[in-house]
N, C-alpha and C. Protein backbone atom coordinates (compact mmCIF):
# COMPACT_ATOMS: atom_id res chain seq x y z
N UNK A 1 45.93 19.41 4.54
CA UNK A 1 45.34 18.39 3.70
C UNK A 1 44.69 19.04 2.46
N UNK A 2 45.34 18.90 1.33
CA UNK A 2 44.81 19.41 0.07
C UNK A 2 43.91 18.36 -0.55
N UNK A 3 42.74 18.81 -1.00
CA UNK A 3 41.80 17.90 -1.64
C UNK A 3 41.14 18.55 -2.84
N UNK A 4 40.90 17.74 -3.86
CA UNK A 4 40.04 18.09 -4.98
C UNK A 4 39.00 16.99 -5.06
N UNK A 5 37.76 17.33 -4.74
CA UNK A 5 36.69 16.35 -4.66
C UNK A 5 35.73 16.56 -5.82
N UNK A 6 35.60 15.54 -6.65
CA UNK A 6 34.79 15.62 -7.85
C UNK A 6 33.45 14.94 -7.67
N UNK A 7 32.47 15.41 -8.44
CA UNK A 7 31.15 14.81 -8.44
C UNK A 7 30.48 15.09 -9.77
N UNK A 8 29.39 14.39 -10.04
CA UNK A 8 28.60 14.64 -11.23
C UNK A 8 28.75 13.63 -12.34
N UNK A 9 29.70 12.73 -12.23
CA UNK A 9 29.87 11.71 -13.25
C UNK A 9 28.74 10.70 -13.22
N UNK A 10 28.65 9.92 -14.28
CA UNK A 10 27.61 8.91 -14.36
C UNK A 10 27.36 8.47 -15.78
N UNK A 11 26.24 7.82 -15.98
CA UNK A 11 25.84 7.31 -17.28
C UNK A 11 24.82 8.23 -17.93
N UNK A 12 25.04 8.53 -19.20
CA UNK A 12 24.14 9.40 -19.94
C UNK A 12 24.02 8.88 -21.37
N UNK A 13 22.88 9.12 -22.00
CA UNK A 13 22.67 8.70 -23.38
C UNK A 13 23.33 9.67 -24.35
N UNK A 14 23.69 9.19 -25.55
CA UNK A 14 24.21 10.11 -26.57
C UNK A 14 23.26 11.27 -26.79
N UNK A 15 23.82 12.48 -26.91
CA UNK A 15 23.02 13.67 -27.06
C UNK A 15 22.62 14.31 -25.75
N UNK A 16 22.86 13.63 -24.66
CA UNK A 16 22.49 14.13 -23.36
C UNK A 16 23.50 15.10 -22.78
N UNK A 17 23.23 15.54 -21.56
CA UNK A 17 24.07 16.53 -20.88
C UNK A 17 24.44 16.06 -19.48
N UNK A 18 25.53 16.60 -18.98
CA UNK A 18 26.02 16.28 -17.66
C UNK A 18 26.86 17.45 -17.16
N UNK A 19 26.86 17.68 -15.86
CA UNK A 19 27.71 18.70 -15.28
C UNK A 19 28.60 18.11 -14.20
N UNK A 20 29.90 18.28 -14.36
CA UNK A 20 30.86 17.85 -13.37
C UNK A 20 31.24 19.01 -12.47
N UNK A 21 31.50 18.70 -11.21
CA UNK A 21 31.95 19.70 -10.24
C UNK A 21 33.21 19.22 -9.56
N UNK A 22 34.06 20.15 -9.18
CA UNK A 22 35.28 19.85 -8.45
C UNK A 22 35.47 20.90 -7.38
N UNK A 23 35.46 20.48 -6.13
CA UNK A 23 35.61 21.38 -4.99
C UNK A 23 37.00 21.24 -4.40
N UNK A 24 37.70 22.35 -4.28
CA UNK A 24 39.05 22.35 -3.73
C UNK A 24 39.07 22.82 -2.29
N UNK A 25 40.02 22.28 -1.52
CA UNK A 25 40.21 22.71 -0.14
C UNK A 25 41.67 22.50 0.25
N UNK A 26 42.11 23.23 1.27
CA UNK A 26 43.47 23.11 1.75
C UNK A 26 44.48 23.96 1.02
N UNK A 27 44.01 24.79 0.11
CA UNK A 27 44.87 25.72 -0.63
C UNK A 27 44.04 26.91 -1.07
N UNK A 28 44.71 27.94 -1.54
CA UNK A 28 44.00 29.13 -2.00
C UNK A 28 43.48 28.89 -3.41
N UNK A 29 42.20 28.61 -3.50
CA UNK A 29 41.61 28.20 -4.77
C UNK A 29 41.78 29.27 -5.85
N UNK A 30 41.64 30.52 -5.48
CA UNK A 30 41.71 31.61 -6.45
C UNK A 30 43.12 31.81 -7.01
N UNK A 31 44.11 31.16 -6.43
CA UNK A 31 45.48 31.25 -6.92
C UNK A 31 45.80 30.19 -7.97
N UNK A 32 44.84 29.32 -8.27
CA UNK A 32 45.09 28.16 -9.11
C UNK A 32 44.41 28.23 -10.47
N UNK A 33 45.19 27.94 -11.51
CA UNK A 33 44.61 27.64 -12.81
C UNK A 33 43.97 26.27 -12.72
N UNK A 34 42.75 26.13 -13.22
CA UNK A 34 42.02 24.88 -13.12
C UNK A 34 41.85 24.25 -14.50
N UNK A 35 42.08 22.95 -14.57
CA UNK A 35 42.01 22.22 -15.83
C UNK A 35 41.25 20.91 -15.64
N UNK A 36 40.40 20.59 -16.60
CA UNK A 36 39.80 19.27 -16.69
C UNK A 36 40.56 18.46 -17.75
N UNK A 37 40.99 17.28 -17.37
CA UNK A 37 41.59 16.31 -18.28
C UNK A 37 40.69 15.08 -18.35
N UNK A 38 40.91 14.25 -19.36
CA UNK A 38 40.20 12.99 -19.42
C UNK A 38 41.11 11.92 -20.03
N UNK A 39 40.80 10.68 -19.70
CA UNK A 39 41.54 9.56 -20.24
C UNK A 39 40.58 8.42 -20.53
N UNK A 40 40.53 8.02 -21.79
CA UNK A 40 39.72 6.89 -22.21
C UNK A 40 40.58 5.63 -22.22
N UNK A 41 39.96 4.46 -22.11
CA UNK A 41 40.72 3.21 -22.12
C UNK A 41 41.61 3.09 -23.35
N UNK A 42 42.88 2.79 -23.14
CA UNK A 42 43.81 2.61 -24.23
C UNK A 42 44.29 3.89 -24.88
N UNK A 43 43.90 5.04 -24.34
CA UNK A 43 44.29 6.31 -24.92
C UNK A 43 45.08 7.15 -23.92
N UNK A 44 45.76 8.14 -24.44
CA UNK A 44 46.55 9.05 -23.63
C UNK A 44 45.65 10.08 -22.94
N UNK A 45 46.07 10.53 -21.77
CA UNK A 45 45.33 11.58 -21.09
C UNK A 45 45.40 12.87 -21.91
N UNK A 46 44.27 13.55 -22.04
CA UNK A 46 44.22 14.76 -22.85
C UNK A 46 43.55 15.90 -22.10
N UNK A 47 43.97 17.10 -22.44
CA UNK A 47 43.34 18.30 -21.89
C UNK A 47 41.97 18.48 -22.51
N UNK A 48 40.97 18.71 -21.67
CA UNK A 48 39.61 18.95 -22.14
C UNK A 48 39.28 20.43 -22.11
N UNK A 49 39.49 21.07 -20.97
CA UNK A 49 39.17 22.48 -20.82
C UNK A 49 40.01 23.08 -19.70
N UNK A 50 40.31 24.36 -19.83
CA UNK A 50 41.14 25.06 -18.85
C UNK A 50 40.60 26.45 -18.63
N UNK A 51 40.75 26.94 -17.40
CA UNK A 51 40.28 28.27 -17.06
C UNK A 51 41.31 28.96 -16.16
N UNK A 52 41.52 30.24 -16.40
CA UNK A 52 42.50 31.01 -15.66
C UNK A 52 42.03 31.29 -14.25
N UNK A 53 42.93 31.83 -13.43
CA UNK A 53 42.64 32.04 -12.02
C UNK A 53 41.42 32.92 -11.79
N UNK A 54 41.32 33.99 -12.56
CA UNK A 54 40.21 34.92 -12.42
C UNK A 54 39.01 34.54 -13.28
N UNK A 55 39.14 33.49 -14.07
CA UNK A 55 38.05 33.06 -14.93
C UNK A 55 37.85 33.92 -16.15
N UNK A 56 38.88 34.66 -16.54
CA UNK A 56 38.75 35.59 -17.65
C UNK A 56 39.23 35.03 -18.99
N UNK A 57 39.69 33.79 -18.99
CA UNK A 57 40.13 33.16 -20.23
C UNK A 57 39.95 31.65 -20.12
N UNK A 58 39.56 31.03 -21.24
CA UNK A 58 39.36 29.59 -21.26
C UNK A 58 40.02 28.97 -22.48
N UNK A 59 40.31 27.68 -22.37
CA UNK A 59 40.90 26.89 -23.45
C UNK A 59 40.15 25.58 -23.55
N UNK A 60 39.87 25.13 -24.79
CA UNK A 60 39.15 23.88 -25.01
C UNK A 60 39.85 23.02 -26.05
N UNK A 61 39.73 21.72 -25.88
CA UNK A 61 40.13 20.81 -26.93
C UNK A 61 39.20 21.00 -28.13
N UNK A 62 39.75 20.85 -29.33
CA UNK A 62 38.93 21.02 -30.53
C UNK A 62 37.71 20.10 -30.53
N UNK A 63 37.87 18.91 -29.98
CA UNK A 63 36.81 17.92 -30.00
C UNK A 63 35.60 18.29 -29.14
N UNK A 64 35.76 19.25 -28.23
CA UNK A 64 34.65 19.61 -27.34
C UNK A 64 34.19 21.05 -27.51
N UNK A 65 34.85 21.81 -28.35
CA UNK A 65 34.47 23.21 -28.56
C UNK A 65 33.02 23.31 -29.03
N UNK A 66 32.29 24.21 -28.41
CA UNK A 66 30.89 24.40 -28.73
C UNK A 66 29.95 23.48 -27.99
N UNK A 67 30.49 22.45 -27.34
CA UNK A 67 29.67 21.50 -26.60
C UNK A 67 29.90 21.57 -25.09
N UNK A 68 31.14 21.83 -24.68
CA UNK A 68 31.49 21.88 -23.27
C UNK A 68 31.77 23.31 -22.84
N UNK A 69 31.48 23.62 -21.58
CA UNK A 69 31.79 24.92 -21.01
C UNK A 69 32.40 24.76 -19.63
N UNK A 70 33.57 25.36 -19.43
CA UNK A 70 34.20 25.36 -18.12
C UNK A 70 33.90 26.69 -17.44
N UNK A 71 33.68 26.65 -16.14
CA UNK A 71 33.44 27.86 -15.36
C UNK A 71 33.94 27.64 -13.94
N UNK A 72 34.05 28.72 -13.19
CA UNK A 72 34.49 28.58 -11.80
C UNK A 72 33.78 29.58 -10.92
N UNK A 73 33.67 29.23 -9.66
CA UNK A 73 33.12 30.10 -8.64
C UNK A 73 34.12 30.09 -7.49
N UNK A 74 34.97 31.11 -7.45
CA UNK A 74 36.02 31.14 -6.44
C UNK A 74 35.48 31.28 -5.02
N UNK A 75 34.31 31.88 -4.87
CA UNK A 75 33.70 31.99 -3.56
C UNK A 75 33.29 30.63 -3.01
N UNK A 76 33.04 29.68 -3.91
CA UNK A 76 32.67 28.32 -3.52
C UNK A 76 33.80 27.32 -3.69
N UNK A 77 34.98 27.81 -4.08
CA UNK A 77 36.14 26.94 -4.32
C UNK A 77 35.80 25.81 -5.29
N UNK A 78 35.06 26.14 -6.34
CA UNK A 78 34.55 25.10 -7.23
C UNK A 78 34.78 25.45 -8.69
N UNK A 79 35.16 24.44 -9.46
CA UNK A 79 35.23 24.55 -10.91
C UNK A 79 34.24 23.56 -11.49
N UNK A 80 33.59 23.95 -12.59
CA UNK A 80 32.56 23.14 -13.22
C UNK A 80 32.94 22.80 -14.65
N UNK A 81 32.40 21.71 -15.14
CA UNK A 81 32.47 21.39 -16.55
C UNK A 81 31.08 20.98 -17.00
N UNK A 82 30.44 21.86 -17.76
CA UNK A 82 29.12 21.58 -18.30
C UNK A 82 29.31 20.92 -19.66
N UNK A 83 28.78 19.72 -19.82
CA UNK A 83 28.95 18.94 -21.03
C UNK A 83 27.60 18.73 -21.70
N UNK A 84 27.53 19.04 -22.97
CA UNK A 84 26.30 18.85 -23.73
C UNK A 84 26.56 18.12 -25.02
N UNK A 85 25.49 17.67 -25.66
CA UNK A 85 25.58 16.93 -26.91
C UNK A 85 26.60 15.81 -26.82
N UNK A 86 26.52 15.05 -25.75
CA UNK A 86 27.53 14.04 -25.47
C UNK A 86 27.56 12.94 -26.52
N UNK A 87 28.77 12.49 -26.82
CA UNK A 87 29.02 11.46 -27.81
C UNK A 87 29.69 10.25 -27.15
N UNK A 88 29.68 9.13 -27.86
CA UNK A 88 30.35 7.93 -27.36
C UNK A 88 31.83 8.22 -27.10
N UNK A 89 32.44 9.07 -27.91
CA UNK A 89 33.85 9.39 -27.78
C UNK A 89 34.18 10.16 -26.50
N UNK A 90 33.16 10.70 -25.83
CA UNK A 90 33.37 11.44 -24.59
C UNK A 90 33.49 10.52 -23.38
N UNK A 91 33.24 9.25 -23.56
CA UNK A 91 33.36 8.30 -22.45
C UNK A 91 34.80 8.23 -21.99
N UNK A 92 35.03 8.52 -20.71
CA UNK A 92 36.38 8.55 -20.17
C UNK A 92 36.31 8.80 -18.66
N UNK A 93 37.46 8.67 -18.02
CA UNK A 93 37.61 9.14 -16.65
C UNK A 93 38.06 10.59 -16.73
N UNK A 94 37.33 11.47 -16.06
CA UNK A 94 37.63 12.89 -16.08
C UNK A 94 38.32 13.29 -14.78
N UNK A 95 39.42 14.03 -14.91
CA UNK A 95 40.24 14.44 -13.78
C UNK A 95 40.27 15.95 -13.63
N UNK A 96 40.20 16.41 -12.41
CA UNK A 96 40.32 17.82 -12.07
C UNK A 96 41.75 18.11 -11.63
N UNK A 97 42.33 19.17 -12.17
CA UNK A 97 43.70 19.55 -11.85
C UNK A 97 43.78 21.02 -11.44
N UNK A 98 44.56 21.30 -10.40
CA UNK A 98 44.81 22.66 -9.95
C UNK A 98 46.31 22.93 -9.99
N UNK A 99 46.69 24.01 -10.65
CA UNK A 99 48.09 24.43 -10.68
C UNK A 99 48.16 25.85 -10.14
N UNK A 100 48.75 25.99 -8.95
CA UNK A 100 48.83 27.31 -8.34
C UNK A 100 49.92 28.14 -8.99
N UNK A 101 49.78 29.45 -8.88
CA UNK A 101 50.71 30.37 -9.50
C UNK A 101 50.63 31.72 -8.81
N UNK A 102 51.78 32.38 -8.73
CA UNK A 102 51.82 33.76 -8.25
C UNK A 102 51.51 34.73 -9.38
N UNK A 103 51.48 34.21 -10.60
CA UNK A 103 51.33 35.03 -11.79
C UNK A 103 52.63 35.17 -12.54
N UNK A 104 53.74 34.85 -11.87
CA UNK A 104 55.05 34.92 -12.49
C UNK A 104 55.82 33.61 -12.36
N UNK A 105 55.41 32.76 -11.40
CA UNK A 105 56.07 31.48 -11.21
C UNK A 105 55.07 30.44 -10.73
N UNK A 106 55.35 29.17 -10.99
CA UNK A 106 54.48 28.08 -10.58
C UNK A 106 54.64 27.75 -9.11
N UNK A 107 53.54 27.28 -8.51
CA UNK A 107 53.54 26.83 -7.13
C UNK A 107 53.36 25.33 -7.05
N UNK A 108 52.15 24.91 -6.66
CA UNK A 108 51.86 23.49 -6.48
C UNK A 108 50.96 22.95 -7.58
N UNK A 109 50.95 21.62 -7.70
CA UNK A 109 50.19 20.93 -8.72
C UNK A 109 49.38 19.83 -8.03
N UNK A 110 48.04 19.94 -8.09
CA UNK A 110 47.17 18.99 -7.40
C UNK A 110 46.22 18.31 -8.39
N UNK A 111 45.85 17.07 -8.05
CA UNK A 111 44.96 16.28 -8.89
C UNK A 111 43.81 15.70 -8.09
N UNK A 112 42.64 15.64 -8.73
CA UNK A 112 41.51 14.94 -8.15
C UNK A 112 41.61 13.45 -8.41
N UNK A 113 40.65 12.72 -7.88
CA UNK A 113 40.68 11.26 -7.95
C UNK A 113 40.16 10.70 -9.28
N UNK A 114 39.47 11.52 -10.04
CA UNK A 114 38.88 11.09 -11.29
C UNK A 114 37.44 10.67 -11.10
N UNK A 115 36.62 10.95 -12.09
CA UNK A 115 35.22 10.54 -12.07
C UNK A 115 34.84 9.98 -13.43
N UNK A 116 34.11 8.89 -13.43
CA UNK A 116 33.77 8.18 -14.66
C UNK A 116 32.56 8.80 -15.34
N UNK A 117 32.70 9.08 -16.63
CA UNK A 117 31.59 9.50 -17.47
C UNK A 117 31.39 8.43 -18.53
N UNK A 118 30.19 7.88 -18.58
CA UNK A 118 29.86 6.85 -19.55
C UNK A 118 28.73 7.34 -20.45
N UNK A 119 28.95 7.26 -21.75
CA UNK A 119 27.95 7.65 -22.74
C UNK A 119 27.54 6.38 -23.48
N UNK A 120 26.31 5.97 -23.28
CA UNK A 120 25.86 4.72 -23.84
C UNK A 120 24.35 4.73 -24.05
N UNK A 121 23.93 4.07 -25.11
CA UNK A 121 22.51 3.89 -25.39
C UNK A 121 22.05 2.50 -24.98
């Protein structure tokens, strides 16, 4: 039973901060590239942040650079997304994704259930 269990979503005021967590189980967490995606109503799903298996490289959408930070703790099977200076445009359902890899070929592709982030005054 593979699971990606997310937490930390909720309502926050503009300019506020929030931290999302995603805990993986049923697979080798350290073998997976981890990515946060988001989808706002009426918009396409977009990549927010990505981190390599060892946590030695990250990728961010231009819209969140300097405001969001992705990190991981392989000992806890957890990936985090720290969000700061939140804007109305950040309101979306955020999804956790795991893509396993041997380093030379792809393995499995897993998705979390999504967690709602609402930015409102």
